Amino acid sequence: GGGGGVTISMLQEDVAATLWAMGHDIEVEVLEPKSRYTIDVWLPQHRLAIEVNGPFHYALGVHENDIYVESQNTSTPGSTSRNASGVYGTNTKVVRSQEPLGSTVLKQRHLHELGVRLFVVPYWEWDLDAPLPEKASYLSLLLPLGTVSSTQ
């Protein structure tokens, strides 16, 4: 974490450390001046931003193998529920979906409209335990990094 209530996740730290190990200059928790949004990882040489989105950037969902039963307000033969709202079966598991929250979508849209080249690393695509070459390969495929140009 850092001062001012800023929290840097292990996931975000790992992505930043991988980029640094790849030889890129990075800045973490950079304030975008026009929108006042905080960007997780900024690569100034490439002028691109990376958002490392953990599970709390995504909506809750029901495990896809479970069945949602619409409730019935009347006594219909075979109905499973008589509640005012629907119910989930007993084997239901509520999990994080891959559907981003509205606030996450809005932030991405605002940054895009301000001309920020933004790339997202979702938590389900990043393995903290993977070896460095595998992580570097993932980032090389995701990001248009090309070669690092020296401006000295």
C-alpha atoms as a PDB file:
ATOM      1  CA  GLY A   1       0.000   0.000   0.000  1.00  0.00           C
ATOM      2  CA  GLY A   2       0.947   3.633  -0.006  1.00  0.00           C
ATOM      3  CA  GLY A   3      -0.016   6.887   1.657  1.00  0.00           C
ATOM      4  CA  GLY A   4      -3.405   8.496   1.303  1.00  0.00           C
ATOM      5  CA  GLY A   5      -5.337   5.243   1.412  1.00  0.00           C
ATOM      6  CA  VAL A   6      -3.874   3.936  -1.846  1.00  0.00           C
ATOM      7  CA  THR A   7      -3.698   0.163  -1.933  1.00  0.00           C
ATOM      8  CA  ILE A   8      -1.582  -1.694  -4.437  1.00  0.00           C
ATOM      9  CA  SER A   9      -2.609  -5.315  -4.850  1.00  0.00           C
ATOM     10  CA  MET A  10      -0.177  -8.196  -5.118  1.00  0.00           C
ATOM     11  CA  LEU A  11      -1.519  -8.694  -8.631  1.00  0.00           C
ATOM     12  CA  GLN A  12      -0.733  -5.100  -9.597  1.00  0.00           C
ATOM     13  CA  GLU A  13       2.722  -5.279  -7.963  1.00  0.00           C
ATOM     14  CA  ASP A  14       3.481  -8.461  -9.881  1.00  0.00           C
ATOM     15  CA  VAL A  15       2.458  -6.980 -13.248  1.00  0.00           C
ATOM     16  CA  ALA A  16       4.563  -3.867 -12.543  1.00  0.00           C
ATOM     17  CA  ALA A  17       7.556  -5.961 -11.424  1.00  0.00           C
ATOM     18  CA  THR A  18       7.300  -8.069 -14.574  1.00  0.00           C
ATOM     19  CA  LEU A  19       7.308  -4.969 -16.797  1.00  0.00           C
ATOM     20  CA  TRP A  20      10.299  -3.600 -14.874  1.00  0.00           C
ATOM     21  CA  ALA A  21      12.126  -6.950 -15.265  1.00  0.00           C
ATOM     22  CA  MET A  22      11.421  -6.703 -19.008  1.00  0.00           C
ATOM     23  CA  GLY A  23      13.388  -3.434 -19.015  1.00  0.00           C
ATOM     24  CA  HIS A  24      10.522  -0.926 -19.122  1.00  0.00           C
ATOM     25  CA  ASP A  25      10.363   2.287 -17.131  1.00  0.00           C
ATOM     26  CA  ILE A  26       7.175   2.180 -15.109  1.00  0.00           C
ATOM     27  CA  GLU A  27       5.252   4.403 -12.767  1.00  0.00           C
ATOM     28  CA  VAL A  28       2.560   3.042 -10.456  1.00  0.00           C
ATOM     29  CA  GLU A  29      -0.577   4.756  -9.175  1.00  0.00           C
ATOM     30  CA  VAL A  30      -0.282   7.707 -11.552  1.00  0.00           C
ATOM     31  CA  LEU A  31      -2.946  10.410 -11.363  1.00  0.00           C
ATOM     32  CA  GLU A  32      -4.361  11.249 -14.797  1.00  0.00           C
ATOM     33  CA  PRO A  33      -4.667  15.053 -14.526  1.00  0.00           C
ATOM     34  CA  LYS A  34      -7.834  15.701 -16.563  1.00  0.00           C
ATOM     35  CA  SER A  35     -10.019  12.911 -15.209  1.00  0.00           C
ATOM     36  CA  ARG A  36      -8.356  12.603 -11.774  1.00  0.00           C
ATOM     37  CA  TYR A  37      -8.475   8.816 -12.168  1.00  0.00           C
ATOM     38  CA  THR A  38      -5.555   6.824 -10.813  1.00  0.00           C
ATOM     39  CA  ILE A  39      -3.860   4.628 -13.406  1.00  0.00           C
ATOM     40  CA  ASP A  40      -2.427   1.392 -11.983  1.00  0.00           C
ATOM     41  CA  VAL A  41       0.705   1.218 -14.145  1.00  0.00           C
ATOM     42  CA  TRP A  42       1.954   3.889 -16.571  1.00  0.00           C
ATOM     43  CA  LEU A  43       4.663   3.251 -19.155  1.00  0.00           C
ATOM     44  CA  PRO A  44       5.878   6.767 -20.010  1.00  0.00           C
ATOM     45  CA  GLN A  45       8.169   5.685 -22.887  1.00  0.00           C
ATOM     46  CA  HIS A  46       5.218   4.073 -24.651  1.00  0.00           C
ATOM     47  CA  ARG A  47       2.590   6.480 -23.347  1.00  0.00           C
ATOM     48  CA  LEU A  48       0.260   3.678 -22.365  1.00  0.00           C
ATOM     49  CA  ALA A  49      -1.658   2.745 -19.259  1.00  0.00           C
ATOM     50  CA  ILE A  50      -2.367  -0.629 -17.728  1.00  0.00           C
ATOM     51  CA  GLU A  51      -5.253  -1.332 -15.413  1.00  0.00           C
ATOM     52  CA  VAL A  52      -4.774  -4.483 -13.360  1.00  0.00           C
ATOM     53  CA  ASN A  53      -8.315  -5.496 -12.497  1.00  0.00           C
ATOM     54  CA  GLY A  54      -8.852  -7.806  -9.553  1.00  0.00           C
ATOM     55  CA  PRO A  55     -12.111  -9.618  -8.809  1.00  0.00           C
ATOM     56  CA  PHE A  56     -13.821  -6.588  -7.262  1.00  0.00           C
ATOM     57  CA  HIS A  57     -13.858  -4.844 -10.655  1.00  0.00           C
ATOM     58  CA  TYR A  58     -16.331  -7.488 -11.871  1.00  0.00           C
ATOM     59  CA  ALA A  59     -19.967  -8.260 -11.134  1.00  0.00           C
ATOM     60  CA  LEU A  60     -21.188 -11.163  -9.070  1.00  0.00           C
ATOM     61  CA  GLY A  61     -22.730 -13.939 -11.090  1.00  0.00           C
ATOM     62  CA  VAL A  62     -24.118 -17.404 -10.684  1.00  0.00           C
ATOM     63  CA  HIS A  63     -22.025 -20.384 -11.684  1.00  0.00           C
ATOM     64  CA  GLU A  64     -23.047 -21.225 -15.255  1.00  0.00           C
ATOM     65  CA  ASN A  65     -23.878 -24.867 -14.494  1.00  0.00           C
ATOM     66  CA  ASP A  66     -26.533 -23.917 -11.984  1.00  0.00           C
ATOM     67  CA  ILE A  67     -30.153 -23.360 -12.817  1.00  0.00           C
ATOM     68  CA  TYR A  68     -32.133 -20.256 -11.942  1.00  0.00           C
ATOM     69  CA  VAL A  69     -35.772 -20.986 -11.239  1.00  0.00           C
ATOM     70  CA  GLU A  70     -38.300 -18.233 -11.918  1.00  0.00           C
ATOM     71  CA  SER A  71     -40.649 -17.830  -9.000  1.00  0.00           C
ATOM     72  CA  GLN A  72     -44.357 -18.376  -9.373  1.00  0.00           C
ATOM     73  CA  ASN A  73     -46.868 -16.173  -7.614  1.00  0.00           C
ATOM     74  CA  THR A  74     -49.523 -18.797  -8.186  1.00  0.00           C
ATOM     75  CA  SER A  75     -49.602 -22.373  -7.097  1.00  0.00           C
ATOM     76  CA  THR A  76     -48.487 -23.960 -10.358  1.00  0.00           C
ATOM     77  CA  PRO A  77     -47.891 -27.712 -10.359  1.00  0.00           C
ATOM     78  CA  GLY A  78     -44.163 -28.348 -10.400  1.00  0.00           C
ATOM     79  CA  SER A  79     -43.189 -24.861  -9.291  1.00  0.00           C
ATOM     80  CA  THR A  80     -40.124 -24.772  -7.086  1.00  0.00           C
ATOM     81  CA  SER A  81     -40.620 -21.392  -5.476  1.00  0.00           C
ATOM     82  CA  ARG A  82     -43.493 -19.277  -4.269  1.00  0.00           C
ATOM     83  CA  ASN A  83     -41.383 -16.242  -3.388  1.00  0.00           C
ATOM     84  CA  ALA A  84     -41.887 -12.796  -4.878  1.00  0.00           C
ATOM     85  CA  SER A  85     -38.461 -13.102  -6.456  1.00  0.00           C
ATOM     86  CA  GLY A  86     -36.602 -15.923  -8.131  1.00  0.00           C
ATOM     87  CA  VAL A  87     -34.528 -18.437  -6.202  1.00  0.00           C
ATOM     88  CA  TYR A  88     -31.388 -20.341  -6.949  1.00  0.00           C
ATOM     89  CA  GLY A  89     -31.117 -24.081  -6.501  1.00  0.00           C
ATOM     90  CA  THR A  90     -29.311 -25.556  -3.495  1.00  0.00           C
ATOM     91  CA  ASN A  91     -26.137 -26.287  -5.516  1.00  0.00           C
ATOM     92  CA  THR A  92     -25.798 -22.675  -6.594  1.00  0.00           C
ATOM     93  CA  LYS A  93     -22.429 -20.997  -6.267  1.00  0.00           C
ATOM     94  CA  VAL A  94     -22.196 -17.204  -6.506  1.00  0.00           C
ATOM     95  CA  VAL A  95     -18.913 -16.218  -8.144  1.00  0.00           C
ATOM     96  CA  ARG A  96     -17.290 -13.204  -9.756  1.00  0.00           C
ATOM     97  CA  SER A  97     -18.196 -12.989 -13.421  1.00  0.00           C
ATOM     98  CA  GLN A  98     -16.077 -11.613 -16.237  1.00  0.00           C
ATOM     99  CA  GLU A  99     -18.569  -8.761 -16.634  1.00  0.00           C
ATOM    100  CA  PRO A 100     -16.954  -5.481 -15.495  1.00  0.00           C
ATOM    101  CA  LEU A 101     -18.802  -3.230 -13.076  1.00  0.00           C
ATOM    102  CA  GLY A 102     -20.297  -0.008 -14.416  1.00  0.00           C
ATOM    103  CA  SER A 103     -17.701   2.093 -12.575  1.00  0.00           C
ATOM    104  CA  THR A 104     -14.886   0.102 -14.199  1.00  0.00           C
ATOM    105  CA  VAL A 105     -16.416   0.516 -17.671  1.00  0.00           C
ATOM    106  CA  LEU A 106     -16.945   4.238 -17.072  1.00  0.00           C
ATOM    107  CA  LYS A 107     -13.323   4.770 -15.996  1.00  0.00           C
ATOM    108  CA  GLN A 108     -12.057   2.921 -19.081  1.00  0.00           C
ATOM    109  CA  ARG A 109     -14.387   4.905 -21.355  1.00  0.00           C
ATOM    110  CA  HIS A 110     -13.354   8.257 -19.845  1.00  0.00           C
ATOM    111  CA  LEU A 111      -9.646   7.471 -20.142  1.00  0.00           C
ATOM    112  CA  HIS A 112     -10.112   6.291 -23.731  1.00  0.00           C
ATOM    113  CA  GLU A 113     -11.988   9.501 -24.628  1.00  0.00           C
ATOM    114  CA  LEU A 114      -9.086  11.507 -23.152  1.00  0.00           C
ATOM    115  CA  GLY A 115      -6.726   9.732 -25.548  1.00  0.00           C
ATOM    116  CA  VAL A 116      -5.121   7.395 -23.001  1.00  0.00           C
ATOM    117  CA  ARG A 117      -3.989   4.119 -24.578  1.00  0.00           C
ATOM    118  CA  LEU A 118      -5.398   1.744 -21.976  1.00  0.00           C
ATOM    119  CA  PHE A 119      -4.893  -1.991 -21.632  1.00  0.00           C
ATOM    120  CA  VAL A 120      -6.504  -4.246 -19.034  1.00  0.00           C
ATOM    121  CA  VAL A 121      -4.976  -7.242 -17.274  1.00  0.00           C
ATOM    122  CA  PRO A 122      -7.932  -9.134 -15.737  1.00  0.00           C
ATOM    123  CA  TYR A 123      -7.214 -11.248 -12.661  1.00  0.00           C
ATOM    124  CA  TRP A 124      -8.235 -14.536 -14.293  1.00  0.00           C
ATOM    125  CA  GLU A 125      -5.561 -14.143 -16.990  1.00  0.00           C
ATOM    126  CA  TRP A 126      -2.663 -13.440 -14.597  1.00  0.00           C
ATOM    127  CA  ASP A 127      -1.032 -16.274 -12.663  1.00  0.00           C
ATOM    128  CA  LEU A 128       1.042 -14.978  -9.740  1.00  0.00           C
ATOM    129  CA  ASP A 129       2.880 -18.314  -9.604  1.00  0.00           C
ATOM    130  CA  ALA A 130       3.801 -18.439 -13.310  1.00  0.00           C
ATOM    131  CA  PRO A 131       7.489 -18.122 -14.219  1.00  0.00           C
ATOM    132  CA  LEU A 132       8.735 -14.707 -15.350  1.00  0.00           C
ATOM    133  CA  PRO A 133       9.153 -15.689 -19.046  1.00  0.00           C
ATOM    134  CA  GLU A 134       5.491 -16.757 -19.180  1.00  0.00           C
ATOM    135  CA  LYS A 135       4.332 -13.466 -17.627  1.00  0.00           C
ATOM    136  CA  ALA A 136       6.589 -11.456 -19.949  1.00  0.00           C
ATOM    137  CA  SER A 137       5.201 -13.348 -22.929  1.00  0.00           C
ATOM    138  CA  TYR A 138       1.632 -12.538 -21.873  1.00  0.00           C
ATOM    139  CA  LEU A 139       2.413  -8.818 -21.558  1.00  0.00           C
ATOM    140  CA  SER A 140       4.324  -8.792 -24.868  1.00  0.00           C
ATOM    141  CA  LEU A 141       1.261 -10.203 -26.614  1.00  0.00           C
ATOM    142  CA  LEU A 142      -1.165  -7.836 -24.855  1.00  0.00           C
ATOM    143  CA  LEU A 143       0.757  -4.592 -25.213  1.00  0.00           C
ATOM    144  CA  PRO A 144       2.093  -2.850 -28.339  1.00  0.00           C
ATOM    145  CA  LEU A 145       5.517  -2.351 -26.754  1.00  0.00           C
ATOM    146  CA  GLY A 146       7.861  -2.972 -29.655  1.00  0.00           C
ATOM    147  CA  THR A 147      11.388  -2.033 -28.708  1.00  0.00           C
ATOM    148  CA  VAL A 148      12.245   0.344 -25.909  1.00  0.00           C
ATOM    149  CA  SER A 149      13.578   3.510 -27.483  1.00  0.00           C
ATOM    150  CA  SER A 150      16.239   5.391 -25.594  1.00  0.00           C
ATOM    151  CA  THR A 151      15.715   9.143 -25.389  1.00  0.00           C
ATOM    152  CA  GLN A 152      18.937  10.040 -23.585  1.00  0.00           C
END
